[in-house]
Amino acid sequence: MTDSDPAGPHAPAGPLFDAVRDGDAERARSLLDGADLTARDGDEWSALDWAAGRGDIAMIRLLLDAGADPAAAAGDQRRPHDIALAAGHVAAARLLRDAAERADPAAEPDHAWRPYCRAYALADLRRYPQWPEDAAPSAGAADDSEIIVFLHDDLTVTASMWPGEDVLFDAVTEQWAAFCASELDFTVPDEMDLVPPAGAPGPGAGLS
């Protein structure tokens, strides 16, 4: 089973699931009366998850209007908007994410793409007044403008692109955060911003 074409060996036999998978909104509407929208198939997906995987906006709206829970997690702990994101269906993901937030307004939304890092020349970071003199990779170019380091979403800096590996700087303060934002123009992208369009190779690889 893939996110963009979710039918697989455990595809459900239920008529509502079949209608959702087929994109047949009229048939799905006729089956909603008394339907259990919390039901899940052998893959632990709900009807809403299937609509999300297809990026079917009309079907998603139909199921949400009927009471489907946009925040309910599948067996793999992904919510419907995560499934839509993995398949590259950004419009569907936004619709589902907004619906989940309306359903739980007390929740603190965090839409940052994590893990995330951005490469900078060491010379750029040395402009920070509290940058330690010895905070530099142990080997490399002599010129700081040629030494590349990585600023991560938690505002630590490493010599490696991997978070927590070869840490050069972890004295994260309000002043450092302000420097990163104003002087380095560093922001962590929204999870929607880096999603490849539907149909791009491997849309679910990093989100499964």
N, C-alpha and C. Protein backbone atom coordinates (compact mmCIF):
# COMPACT_ATOMS: atom_id res chain seq x y z
N MET A 1 0.84 -1.20 0.00
CA MET A 1 0.00 0.00 0.00
C MET A 1 0.88 1.25 0.00
N THR A 2 0.56 2.22 -0.84
CA THR A 2 1.26 3.49 -0.84
C THR A 2 0.29 4.58 -0.44
N ASP A 3 0.83 5.77 -0.10
CA ASP A 3 -0.03 6.85 0.36
C ASP A 3 -0.88 7.42 -0.76
N SER A 4 -0.31 7.52 -1.97
CA SER A 4 -1.05 8.12 -3.06
C SER A 4 -2.03 7.14 -3.71
N ASP A 5 -1.79 5.84 -3.57
CA ASP A 5 -2.68 4.81 -4.11
C ASP A 5 -2.83 3.76 -3.03
N PRO A 6 -3.69 4.02 -2.01
CA PRO A 6 -3.64 3.23 -0.80
C PRO A 6 -4.17 1.82 -0.89
N ALA A 7 -4.81 1.42 -1.98
CA ALA A 7 -5.31 0.06 -2.05
C ALA A 7 -4.18 -0.94 -1.96
N GLY A 8 -4.34 -1.93 -1.12
CA GLY A 8 -3.27 -2.91 -0.93
C GLY A 8 -3.85 -4.25 -0.58
N PRO A 9 -3.02 -5.16 -0.07
CA PRO A 9 -3.49 -6.51 0.22
C PRO A 9 -4.55 -6.56 1.30
N HIS A 10 -4.64 -5.52 2.14
CA HIS A 10 -5.64 -5.50 3.21
C HIS A 10 -6.77 -4.53 2.89
N ALA A 11 -6.99 -4.23 1.62
CA ALA A 11 -8.04 -3.29 1.23
C ALA A 11 -9.39 -3.75 1.78
N PRO A 12 -10.18 -2.81 2.29
CA PRO A 12 -11.45 -3.17 2.94
C PRO A 12 -12.51 -3.58 1.93
N ALA A 13 -13.44 -4.42 2.37
CA ALA A 13 -14.53 -4.85 1.51
C ALA A 13 -15.81 -4.04 1.78
N GLY A 14 -15.80 -3.20 2.82
CA GLY A 14 -16.98 -2.44 3.17
C GLY A 14 -17.38 -1.48 2.06
N PRO A 15 -18.69 -1.33 1.83
CA PRO A 15 -19.15 -0.48 0.72
C PRO A 15 -18.74 0.98 0.84
N LEU A 16 -18.71 1.54 2.06
CA LEU A 16 -18.30 2.94 2.20
C LEU A 16 -16.83 3.09 1.84
N PHE A 17 -16.00 2.19 2.32
CA PHE A 17 -14.58 2.24 1.98
C PHE A 17 -14.38 2.09 0.48
N ASP A 18 -15.14 1.19 -0.13
CA ASP A 18 -15.03 1.01 -1.57
C ASP A 18 -15.39 2.30 -2.32
N ALA A 19 -16.46 2.94 -1.88
CA ALA A 19 -16.88 4.18 -2.53
C ALA A 19 -15.83 5.27 -2.38
N VAL A 20 -15.24 5.36 -1.20
CA VAL A 20 -14.20 6.37 -0.96
C VAL A 20 -12.99 6.09 -1.84
N ARG A 21 -12.57 4.83 -1.89
CA ARG A 21 -11.42 4.47 -2.71
C ARG A 21 -11.67 4.74 -4.19
N ASP A 22 -12.91 4.56 -4.60
CA ASP A 22 -13.27 4.77 -6.01
C ASP A 22 -13.53 6.24 -6.33
N GLY A 23 -13.59 7.06 -5.30
CA GLY A 23 -13.88 8.48 -5.52
C GLY A 23 -15.32 8.73 -5.89
N ASP A 24 -16.21 7.84 -5.48
CA ASP A 24 -17.63 7.94 -5.84
C ASP A 24 -18.36 8.67 -4.70
N ALA A 25 -18.41 10.00 -4.77
CA ALA A 25 -18.98 10.80 -3.69
C ALA A 25 -20.48 10.55 -3.53
N GLU A 26 -21.20 10.39 -4.62
CA GLU A 26 -22.65 10.16 -4.53
C GLU A 26 -22.95 8.85 -3.81
N ARG A 27 -22.20 7.83 -4.16
CA ARG A 27 -22.42 6.54 -3.49
C ARG A 27 -22.03 6.63 -2.02
N ALA A 28 -20.93 7.31 -1.75
CA ALA A 28 -20.50 7.47 -0.37
C ALA A 28 -21.55 8.20 0.44
N ARG A 29 -22.14 9.25 -0.15
CA ARG A 29 -23.17 10.03 0.55
C ARG A 29 -24.37 9.14 0.90
N SER A 30 -24.71 8.25 0.00
CA SER A 30 -25.87 7.37 0.23
C SER A 30 -25.60 6.34 1.32
N LEU A 31 -24.33 6.13 1.66
CA LEU A 31 -23.97 5.13 2.65
C LEU A 31 -23.65 5.72 4.02
N LEU A 32 -23.71 7.03 4.14
CA LEU A 32 -23.28 7.68 5.38
C LEU A 32 -24.29 7.53 6.51
N ASP A 33 -25.55 7.40 6.20
CA ASP A 33 -26.56 7.31 7.24
C ASP A 33 -26.32 6.06 8.09
N GLY A 34 -25.97 6.29 9.36
CA GLY A 34 -25.71 5.18 10.27
C GLY A 34 -24.32 4.58 10.15
N ALA A 35 -23.50 5.12 9.27
CA ALA A 35 -22.15 4.57 9.08
C ALA A 35 -21.27 4.86 10.29
N ASP A 36 -20.40 3.92 10.63
CA ASP A 36 -19.43 4.10 11.70
C ASP A 36 -18.16 4.70 11.10
N LEU A 37 -18.00 6.01 11.27
CA LEU A 37 -16.86 6.69 10.65
C LEU A 37 -15.57 6.50 11.44
N THR A 38 -15.66 5.81 12.57
CA THR A 38 -14.44 5.46 13.31
C THR A 38 -13.90 4.10 12.88
N ALA A 39 -14.64 3.38 12.03
CA ALA A 39 -14.23 2.04 11.61
C ALA A 39 -12.91 2.11 10.83
N ARG A 40 -12.13 1.04 10.99
CA ARG A 40 -10.84 0.96 10.30
C ARG A 40 -10.71 -0.39 9.61
N ASP A 41 -9.91 -0.38 8.54
CA ASP A 41 -9.75 -1.59 7.76
C ASP A 41 -8.56 -2.41 8.26
N GLY A 42 -8.16 -3.40 7.50
CA GLY A 42 -7.04 -4.24 7.89
C GLY A 42 -5.72 -3.51 7.96
N ASP A 43 -5.62 -2.35 7.32
CA ASP A 43 -4.41 -1.53 7.39
C ASP A 43 -4.51 -0.47 8.48
N GLU A 44 -5.61 -0.54 9.26
CA GLU A 44 -5.86 0.43 10.32
C GLU A 44 -6.10 1.84 9.78
N TRP A 45 -6.64 1.92 8.58
CA TRP A 45 -7.02 3.21 7.99
C TRP A 45 -8.53 3.37 8.08
N SER A 46 -8.96 4.61 8.32
CA SER A 46 -10.38 4.95 8.29
C SER A 46 -10.76 5.38 6.87
N ALA A 47 -12.06 5.59 6.66
CA ALA A 47 -12.50 6.10 5.36
C ALA A 47 -11.87 7.47 5.08
N LEU A 48 -11.75 8.29 6.13
CA LEU A 48 -11.14 9.61 5.95
C LEU A 48 -9.67 9.50 5.57
N ASP A 49 -8.98 8.52 6.14
CA ASP A 49 -7.57 8.30 5.78
C ASP A 49 -7.45 7.97 4.29
N TRP A 50 -8.37 7.15 3.79
CA TRP A 50 -8.33 6.79 2.38
C TRP A 50 -8.58 8.00 1.49
N ALA A 51 -9.54 8.83 1.89
CA ALA A 51 -9.80 10.05 1.12
C ALA A 51 -8.58 10.97 1.16
N ALA A 52 -7.92 11.03 2.31
CA ALA A 52 -6.71 11.85 2.44
C ALA A 52 -5.60 11.34 1.52
N GLY A 53 -5.42 10.02 1.48
CA GLY A 53 -4.39 9.44 0.63
C GLY A 53 -4.62 9.70 -0.85
N ARG A 54 -5.89 9.86 -1.23
CA ARG A 54 -6.23 10.16 -2.62
C ARG A 54 -6.22 11.67 -2.89
N GLY A 55 -6.19 12.48 -1.83
CA GLY A 55 -6.27 13.92 -2.02
C GLY A 55 -7.62 14.36 -2.55
N ASP A 56 -8.67 13.61 -2.19
CA ASP A 56 -10.01 13.84 -2.72
C ASP A 56 -10.73 14.88 -1.84
N ILE A 57 -10.64 16.14 -2.25
CA ILE A 57 -11.19 17.23 -1.45
C ILE A 57 -12.69 17.07 -1.23
N ALA A 58 -13.44 16.76 -2.28
CA ALA A 58 -14.89 16.61 -2.15
C ALA A 58 -15.24 15.51 -1.16
N MET A 59 -14.52 14.39 -1.25
CA MET A 59 -14.80 13.27 -0.34
C MET A 59 -14.41 13.63 1.08
N ILE A 60 -13.30 14.33 1.24
CA ILE A 60 -12.87 14.74 2.57
C ILE A 60 -13.93 15.63 3.22
N ARG A 61 -14.42 16.61 2.46
CA ARG A 61 -15.45 17.51 2.99
C ARG A 61 -16.72 16.73 3.36
N LEU A 62 -17.08 15.78 2.52
CA LEU A 62 -18.27 14.97 2.77
C LEU A 62 -18.13 14.21 4.09
N LEU A 63 -16.98 13.59 4.31
CA LEU A 63 -16.76 12.80 5.52
C LEU A 63 -16.64 13.69 6.76
N LEU A 64 -15.98 14.84 6.61
CA LEU A 64 -15.88 15.76 7.74
C LEU A 64 -17.26 16.28 8.14
N ASP A 65 -18.06 16.63 7.15
CA ASP A 65 -19.41 17.13 7.43
C ASP A 65 -20.26 16.06 8.11
N ALA A 66 -19.95 14.80 7.83
CA ALA A 66 -20.71 13.69 8.43
C ALA A 66 -20.21 13.34 9.83
N GLY A 67 -19.09 13.98 10.26
CA GLY A 67 -18.60 13.75 11.62
C GLY A 67 -17.32 12.98 11.74
N ALA A 68 -16.63 12.70 10.64
CA ALA A 68 -15.34 11.99 10.72
C ALA A 68 -14.34 12.84 11.50
N ASP A 69 -13.54 12.19 12.31
CA ASP A 69 -12.57 12.88 13.18
C ASP A 69 -11.28 13.17 12.42
N PRO A 70 -10.96 14.46 12.17
CA PRO A 70 -9.76 14.79 11.41
C PRO A 70 -8.47 14.62 12.20
N ALA A 71 -8.59 14.39 13.51
CA ALA A 71 -7.40 14.26 14.35
C ALA A 71 -7.10 12.82 14.74
N ALA A 72 -7.96 11.89 14.33
CA ALA A 72 -7.77 10.49 14.72
C ALA A 72 -6.58 9.89 13.98
N ALA A 73 -5.71 9.22 14.72
CA ALA A 73 -4.50 8.65 14.13
C ALA A 73 -4.74 7.24 13.63
N ALA A 74 -4.09 6.91 12.53
CA ALA A 74 -4.15 5.56 11.98
C ALA A 74 -3.25 4.63 12.80
N GLY A 75 -3.18 3.38 12.38
CA GLY A 75 -2.36 2.42 13.10
C GLY A 75 -0.89 2.79 13.15
N ASP A 76 -0.42 3.53 12.14
CA ASP A 76 0.97 3.96 12.13
C ASP A 76 1.16 5.32 12.79
N GLN A 77 0.12 5.78 13.49
CA GLN A 77 0.12 7.03 14.26
C GLN A 77 0.06 8.29 13.40
N ARG A 78 -0.13 8.14 12.10
CA ARG A 78 -0.32 9.33 11.27
C ARG A 78 -1.77 9.75 11.27
N ARG A 79 -1.99 11.05 11.29
CA ARG A 79 -3.33 11.61 11.19
C ARG A 79 -3.66 11.80 9.70
N PRO A 80 -4.94 12.03 9.39
CA PRO A 80 -5.29 12.19 7.98
C PRO A 80 -4.46 13.23 7.25
N HIS A 81 -4.16 14.36 7.89
CA HIS A 81 -3.38 15.38 7.18
C HIS A 81 -1.95 14.92 6.94
N ASP A 82 -1.41 14.06 7.82
CA ASP A 82 -0.07 13.50 7.59
C ASP A 82 -0.08 12.60 6.36
N ILE A 83 -1.15 11.83 6.21
CA ILE A 83 -1.26 10.92 5.07
C ILE A 83 -1.36 11.72 3.77
N ALA A 84 -2.16 12.79 3.79
CA ALA A 84 -2.27 13.63 2.60
C ALA A 84 -0.93 14.26 2.26
N LEU A 85 -0.21 14.71 3.28
CA LEU A 85 1.11 15.31 3.05
C LEU A 85 2.07 14.32 2.41
N ALA A 86 2.07 13.09 2.93
CA ALA A 86 2.99 12.08 2.42
C ALA A 86 2.75 11.78 0.94
N ALA A 87 1.50 11.97 0.50
CA ALA A 87 1.16 11.73 -0.89
C ALA A 87 1.28 12.99 -1.74
N GLY A 88 1.68 14.10 -1.14
CA GLY A 88 1.88 15.33 -1.89
C GLY A 88 0.62 16.12 -2.15
N HIS A 89 -0.45 15.81 -1.44
CA HIS A 89 -1.73 16.51 -1.64
C HIS A 89 -1.83 17.68 -0.65
N VAL A 90 -1.20 18.79 -0.99
CA VAL A 90 -1.06 19.90 -0.05
C VAL A 90 -2.42 20.53 0.29
N ALA A 91 -3.27 20.73 -0.71
CA ALA A 91 -4.57 21.35 -0.46
C ALA A 91 -5.39 20.49 0.50
N ALA A 92 -5.39 19.19 0.28
CA ALA A 92 -6.11 18.28 1.16
C ALA A 92 -5.51 18.31 2.56
N ALA A 93 -4.19 18.34 2.64
CA ALA A 93 -3.52 18.37 3.94
C ALA A 93 -3.88 19.64 4.71
N ARG A 94 -3.92 20.77 4.02
CA ARG A 94 -4.30 22.03 4.69
C ARG A 94 -5.74 21.96 5.21
N LEU A 95 -6.63 21.44 4.40
CA LEU A 95 -8.03 21.31 4.80
C LEU A 95 -8.15 20.45 6.05
N LEU A 96 -7.47 19.33 6.05
CA LEU A 96 -7.54 18.40 7.18
C LEU A 96 -6.85 18.96 8.42
N ARG A 97 -5.72 19.63 8.23
CA ARG A 97 -5.02 20.22 9.38
C ARG A 97 -5.87 21.30 10.02
N ASP A 98 -6.48 22.15 9.20
CA ASP A 98 -7.35 23.20 9.73
C ASP A 98 -8.54 22.61 10.48
N ALA A 99 -9.10 21.54 9.94
CA ALA A 99 -10.24 20.89 10.59
C ALA A 99 -9.84 20.30 11.93
N ALA A 100 -8.65 19.71 12.00
CA ALA A 100 -8.18 19.13 13.25
C ALA A 100 -7.96 20.20 14.31
N GLU A 101 -7.46 21.36 13.89
CA GLU A 101 -7.24 22.45 14.84
C GLU A 101 -8.56 23.03 15.34
N ARG A 102 -9.54 23.11 14.46
CA ARG A 102 -10.86 23.59 14.90
C ARG A 102 -11.49 22.60 15.88
N ALA A 103 -11.23 21.32 15.68
CA ALA A 103 -11.81 20.30 16.56
C ALA A 103 -11.18 20.32 17.94
N ASP A 104 -9.94 20.81 18.03
CA ASP A 104 -9.25 20.86 19.32
C ASP A 104 -8.53 22.20 19.45
N PRO A 105 -9.30 23.28 19.68
CA PRO A 105 -8.70 24.62 19.70
C PRO A 105 -7.73 24.84 20.84
N ALA A 106 -7.78 24.00 21.87
CA ALA A 106 -6.88 24.17 23.01
C ALA A 106 -5.48 23.61 22.72
N ALA A 107 -5.35 22.81 21.69
CA ALA A 107 -4.04 22.22 21.36
C ALA A 107 -3.09 23.28 20.84
N GLU A 108 -1.82 23.11 21.15
CA GLU A 108 -0.79 24.03 20.68
C GLU A 108 -0.28 23.52 19.32
N PRO A 109 -0.64 24.20 18.23
CA PRO A 109 -0.20 23.71 16.92
C PRO A 109 1.31 23.89 16.72
N ASP A 110 1.92 22.91 16.13
CA ASP A 110 3.34 22.99 15.78
C ASP A 110 3.47 22.41 14.38
N HIS A 111 3.63 23.30 13.41
CA HIS A 111 3.65 22.86 12.02
C HIS A 111 5.05 22.90 11.41
N ALA A 112 6.06 23.00 12.26
CA ALA A 112 7.43 23.10 11.75
C ALA A 112 7.88 21.77 11.15
N TRP A 113 8.66 21.90 10.08
CA TRP A 113 9.23 20.71 9.44
C TRP A 113 10.45 20.28 10.25
N ARG A 114 10.37 19.10 10.84
CA ARG A 114 11.48 18.60 11.65
C ARG A 114 11.77 17.15 11.31
N PRO A 115 13.04 16.74 11.36
CA PRO A 115 14.23 17.57 11.60
C PRO A 115 14.54 18.45 10.39
N TYR A 116 15.16 19.59 10.66
CA TYR A 116 15.49 20.55 9.60
C TYR A 116 16.82 21.20 9.94
N CYS A 117 17.64 21.42 8.92
CA CYS A 117 18.87 22.18 9.13
C CYS A 117 19.19 22.98 7.87
N ARG A 118 20.00 23.99 8.05
CA ARG A 118 20.40 24.85 6.94
C ARG A 118 21.90 25.10 7.05
N ALA A 119 22.59 25.05 5.92
CA ALA A 119 24.05 25.22 5.91
C ALA A 119 24.43 26.69 5.86
N TYR A 120 25.48 27.02 6.60
CA TYR A 120 26.03 28.38 6.61
C TYR A 120 27.55 28.30 6.61
N ALA A 121 28.16 29.37 6.12
CA ALA A 121 29.61 29.51 6.30
C ALA A 121 29.86 29.84 7.76
N LEU A 122 30.90 29.25 8.33
CA LEU A 122 31.24 29.52 9.73
C LEU A 122 31.44 31.02 9.96
N ALA A 123 31.95 31.72 8.95
CA ALA A 123 32.17 33.16 9.09
C ALA A 123 30.88 33.89 9.43
N ASP A 124 29.75 33.43 8.89
CA ASP A 124 28.47 34.08 9.17
C ASP A 124 28.10 33.95 10.64
N LEU A 125 28.36 32.78 11.21
CA LEU A 125 27.99 32.55 12.61
C LEU A 125 28.95 33.24 13.56
N ARG A 126 30.18 33.44 13.14
CA ARG A 126 31.15 34.13 14.00
C ARG A 126 30.78 35.60 14.21
N ARG A 127 29.85 36.11 13.45
CA ARG A 127 29.39 37.48 13.67
C ARG A 127 28.57 37.60 14.95
N TYR A 128 28.14 36.50 15.49
CA TYR A 128 27.43 36.52 16.77
C TYR A 128 28.43 36.87 17.87
N PRO A 129 28.17 37.90 18.65
CA PRO A 129 29.16 38.38 19.63
C PRO A 129 29.59 37.33 20.65
N GLN A 130 28.72 36.39 21.00
CA GLN A 130 29.07 35.36 22.00
C GLN A 130 29.51 34.05 21.37
N TRP A 131 29.86 34.08 20.09
CA TRP A 131 30.32 32.83 19.45
C TRP A 131 31.68 32.46 20.02
N PRO A 132 31.84 31.24 20.55
CA PRO A 132 33.13 30.84 21.13
C PRO A 132 34.23 30.77 20.07
N GLU A 133 35.40 31.23 20.42
CA GLU A 133 36.51 31.26 19.47
C GLU A 133 36.88 29.87 18.98
N ASP A 134 36.75 28.88 19.87
CA ASP A 134 37.17 27.52 19.50
C ASP A 134 36.03 26.68 18.91
N ALA A 135 34.89 27.29 18.66
CA ALA A 135 33.76 26.54 18.10
C ALA A 135 33.91 26.46 16.59
N ALA A 136 34.64 25.44 16.16
CA ALA A 136 34.91 25.23 14.73
C ALA A 136 35.25 23.77 14.53
N PRO A 137 34.98 23.23 13.34
CA PRO A 137 35.36 21.84 13.07
C PRO A 137 36.85 21.63 13.30
N SER A 138 37.21 20.43 13.72
CA SER A 138 38.61 20.15 14.06
C SER A 138 39.52 20.16 12.85
N ALA A 139 38.96 19.92 11.69
CA ALA A 139 39.77 19.93 10.47
C ALA A 139 38.96 20.55 9.35
N GLY A 140 39.64 21.16 8.41
CA GLY A 140 38.92 21.76 7.30
C GLY A 140 39.69 22.94 6.74
N ALA A 141 38.99 23.76 5.98
CA ALA A 141 39.64 24.91 5.35
C ALA A 141 40.06 25.92 6.41
N ALA A 142 41.12 26.62 6.12
CA ALA A 142 41.63 27.62 7.06
C ALA A 142 40.75 28.86 7.08
N ASP A 143 40.09 29.16 6.00
CA ASP A 143 39.27 30.35 5.88
C ASP A 143 37.84 30.03 6.35
N ASP A 144 37.36 30.77 7.34
CA ASP A 144 36.03 30.52 7.89
C ASP A 144 34.93 30.66 6.84
N SER A 145 35.19 31.43 5.81
CA SER A 145 34.17 31.60 4.77
C SER A 145 34.02 30.34 3.92
N GLU A 146 34.97 29.42 4.03
CA GLU A 146 34.92 28.18 3.26
C GLU A 146 34.51 26.97 4.10
N ILE A 147 34.36 27.18 5.41
CA ILE A 147 33.96 26.10 6.31
C ILE A 147 32.44 26.10 6.44
N ILE A 148 31.82 24.99 6.13
CA ILE A 148 30.37 24.89 6.19
C ILE A 148 29.95 24.19 7.48
N VAL A 149 29.00 24.81 8.18
CA VAL A 149 28.42 24.22 9.38
C VAL A 149 26.90 24.22 9.23
N PHE A 150 26.21 23.58 10.16
CA PHE A 150 24.77 23.37 10.00
C PHE A 150 24.01 23.88 11.22
N LEU A 151 23.06 24.76 10.96
CA LEU A 151 22.16 25.29 11.99
C LEU A 151 20.86 24.49 11.94
N HIS A 152 20.48 23.94 13.10
CA HIS A 152 19.33 23.02 13.16
C HIS A 152 18.09 23.69 13.72
N ASP A 153 16.97 22.99 13.61
CA ASP A 153 15.70 23.56 14.05
C ASP A 153 15.67 23.88 15.54
N ASP A 154 16.53 23.23 16.34
CA ASP A 154 16.60 23.54 17.77
C ASP A 154 17.65 24.61 18.06
N LEU A 155 18.21 25.20 16.98
CA LEU A 155 19.19 26.30 17.02
C LEU A 155 20.56 25.87 17.51
N THR A 156 20.81 24.56 17.59
CA THR A 156 22.18 24.11 17.81
C THR A 156 22.92 24.12 16.48
N VAL A 157 24.24 24.13 16.55
CA VAL A 157 25.08 24.16 15.35
C VAL A 157 26.01 22.95 15.39
N THR A 158 26.11 22.26 14.27
CA THR A 158 26.96 21.08 14.20
C THR A 158 27.86 21.14 12.97
N ALA A 159 28.94 20.35 13.03
CA ALA A 159 29.79 20.19 11.86
C ALA A 159 29.21 19.20 10.88
N SER A 160 28.31 18.35 11.38
CA SER A 160 27.62 17.35 10.56
C SER A 160 26.21 17.83 10.26
N MET A 161 25.65 17.35 9.17
CA MET A 161 24.27 17.71 8.88
C MET A 161 23.28 16.99 9.79
N TRP A 162 23.76 15.99 10.53
CA TRP A 162 22.89 15.20 11.39
C TRP A 162 22.74 15.87 12.75
N PRO A 163 21.52 16.04 13.24
CA PRO A 163 21.32 16.70 14.53
C PRO A 163 22.00 15.93 15.66
N GLY A 164 22.66 16.67 16.55
CA GLY A 164 23.30 16.07 17.70
C GLY A 164 24.65 15.46 17.43
N GLU A 165 25.13 15.52 16.20
CA GLU A 165 26.42 14.91 15.84
C GLU A 165 27.46 15.99 15.58
N ASP A 166 28.62 15.89 16.23
CA ASP A 166 29.70 16.88 16.09
C ASP A 166 29.19 18.29 16.42
N VAL A 167 28.63 18.42 17.62
CA VAL A 167 28.04 19.68 18.05
C VAL A 167 29.14 20.73 18.28
N LEU A 168 28.95 21.90 17.67
CA LEU A 168 29.89 23.01 17.84
C LEU A 168 29.36 24.07 18.79
N PHE A 169 28.03 24.20 18.85
CA PHE A 169 27.44 25.27 19.64
C PHE A 169 26.05 24.85 20.08
N ASP A 170 25.79 24.94 21.39
CA ASP A 170 24.45 24.61 21.89
C ASP A 170 23.99 25.57 22.98
N ALA A 171 24.63 26.72 23.06
CA ALA A 171 24.25 27.73 24.06
C ALA A 171 23.08 28.55 23.53
N VAL A 172 21.93 27.92 23.46
CA VAL A 172 20.76 28.55 22.86
C VAL A 172 20.11 29.50 23.87
N THR A 173 20.09 30.76 23.52
CA THR A 173 19.50 31.80 24.36
C THR A 173 18.55 32.64 23.50
N GLU A 174 17.85 33.55 24.15
CA GLU A 174 16.99 34.45 23.40
C GLU A 174 17.81 35.31 22.45
N GLN A 175 19.01 35.70 22.89
CA GLN A 175 19.88 36.53 22.04
C GLN A 175 20.33 35.76 20.80
N TRP A 176 20.66 34.49 20.99
CA TRP A 176 21.08 33.66 19.87
C TRP A 176 19.92 33.44 18.91
N ALA A 177 18.73 33.20 19.45
CA ALA A 177 17.55 33.01 18.61
C ALA A 177 17.27 34.27 17.79
N ALA A 178 17.42 35.43 18.41
CA ALA A 178 17.19 36.69 17.70
C ALA A 178 18.23 36.90 16.62
N PHE A 179 19.48 36.55 16.89
CA PHE A 179 20.55 36.65 15.89
C PHE A 179 20.25 35.74 14.70
N CYS A 180 19.84 34.52 14.98
CA CYS A 180 19.54 33.57 13.90
C CYS A 180 18.43 34.11 13.00
N ALA A 181 17.42 34.70 13.61
CA ALA A 181 16.28 35.19 12.85
C ALA A 181 16.62 36.46 12.07
N SER A 182 17.30 37.39 12.72
CA SER A 182 17.51 38.70 12.10
C SER A 182 18.75 38.76 11.22
N GLU A 183 19.82 38.12 11.66
CA GLU A 183 21.09 38.21 10.93
C GLU A 183 21.29 37.07 9.94
N LEU A 184 20.77 35.90 10.27
CA LEU A 184 20.94 34.74 9.39
C LEU A 184 19.68 34.42 8.59
N ASP A 185 18.59 35.13 8.89
CA ASP A 185 17.31 34.90 8.21
C ASP A 185 16.91 33.43 8.30
N PHE A 186 17.11 32.84 9.48
CA PHE A 186 16.83 31.42 9.68
C PHE A 186 15.42 31.23 10.21
N THR A 187 14.63 30.46 9.51
CA THR A 187 13.33 30.03 9.99
C THR A 187 13.14 28.57 9.62
N VAL A 188 12.40 27.86 10.45
CA VAL A 188 12.08 26.47 10.14
C VAL A 188 10.83 26.47 9.27
N PRO A 189 10.87 25.85 8.10
CA PRO A 189 9.71 25.89 7.20
C PRO A 189 8.49 25.21 7.80
N ASP A 190 7.33 25.68 7.37
CA ASP A 190 6.10 24.98 7.68
C ASP A 190 6.16 23.61 7.00
N GLU A 191 5.53 22.62 7.61
CA GLU A 191 5.57 21.26 7.07
C GLU A 191 5.01 21.19 5.65
N MET A 192 4.16 22.14 5.28
CA MET A 192 3.59 22.14 3.93
C MET A 192 4.57 22.65 2.88
N ASP A 193 5.55 23.45 3.31
CA ASP A 193 6.37 24.18 2.35
C ASP A 193 7.31 23.30 1.53
N LEU A 194 7.72 22.18 2.07
CA LEU A 194 8.74 21.34 1.42
C LEU A 194 8.15 20.06 0.82
N VAL A 195 6.83 19.99 0.75
CA VAL A 195 6.20 18.78 0.23
C VAL A 195 6.27 18.77 -1.29
N PRO A 196 6.77 17.68 -1.89
CA PRO A 196 6.75 17.59 -3.35
C PRO A 196 5.32 17.46 -3.85
N PRO A 197 5.06 17.88 -5.07
CA PRO A 197 3.70 17.75 -5.59
C PRO A 197 3.29 16.31 -5.76
N ALA A 198 2.00 16.06 -5.74
CA ALA A 198 1.49 14.70 -5.93
C ALA A 198 2.02 14.15 -7.23
N GLY A 199 2.47 12.89 -7.18
CA GLY A 199 3.00 12.25 -8.37
C GLY A 199 4.52 12.32 -8.46
N ALA A 200 5.15 13.11 -7.57
CA ALA A 200 6.62 13.16 -7.57
C ALA A 200 7.15 11.85 -7.00
N PRO A 201 8.37 11.46 -7.39
CA PRO A 201 8.91 10.17 -6.94
C PRO A 201 9.00 10.11 -5.41
N GLY A 202 8.56 9.00 -4.87
CA GLY A 202 8.72 8.74 -3.45
C GLY A 202 8.07 9.72 -2.51
N PRO A 203 6.79 10.11 -2.69
CA PRO A 203 6.22 11.16 -1.86
C PRO A 203 6.11 10.78 -0.40
N GLY A 204 6.02 9.50 -0.09
CA GLY A 204 5.84 9.11 1.30
C GLY A 204 7.11 8.65 1.98
N ALA A 205 8.25 8.75 1.28
CA ALA A 205 9.47 8.15 1.82
C ALA A 205 9.87 8.72 3.15
N GLY A 206 9.78 10.04 3.31
CA GLY A 206 10.24 10.64 4.55
C GLY A 206 9.18 10.79 5.60
N LEU A 207 7.95 10.36 5.32
CA LEU A 207 6.87 10.62 6.25
C LEU A 207 6.17 9.37 6.71
N SER A 208 6.67 8.24 6.30
CA SER A 208 5.99 7.01 6.67
C SER A 208 6.38 6.60 8.09
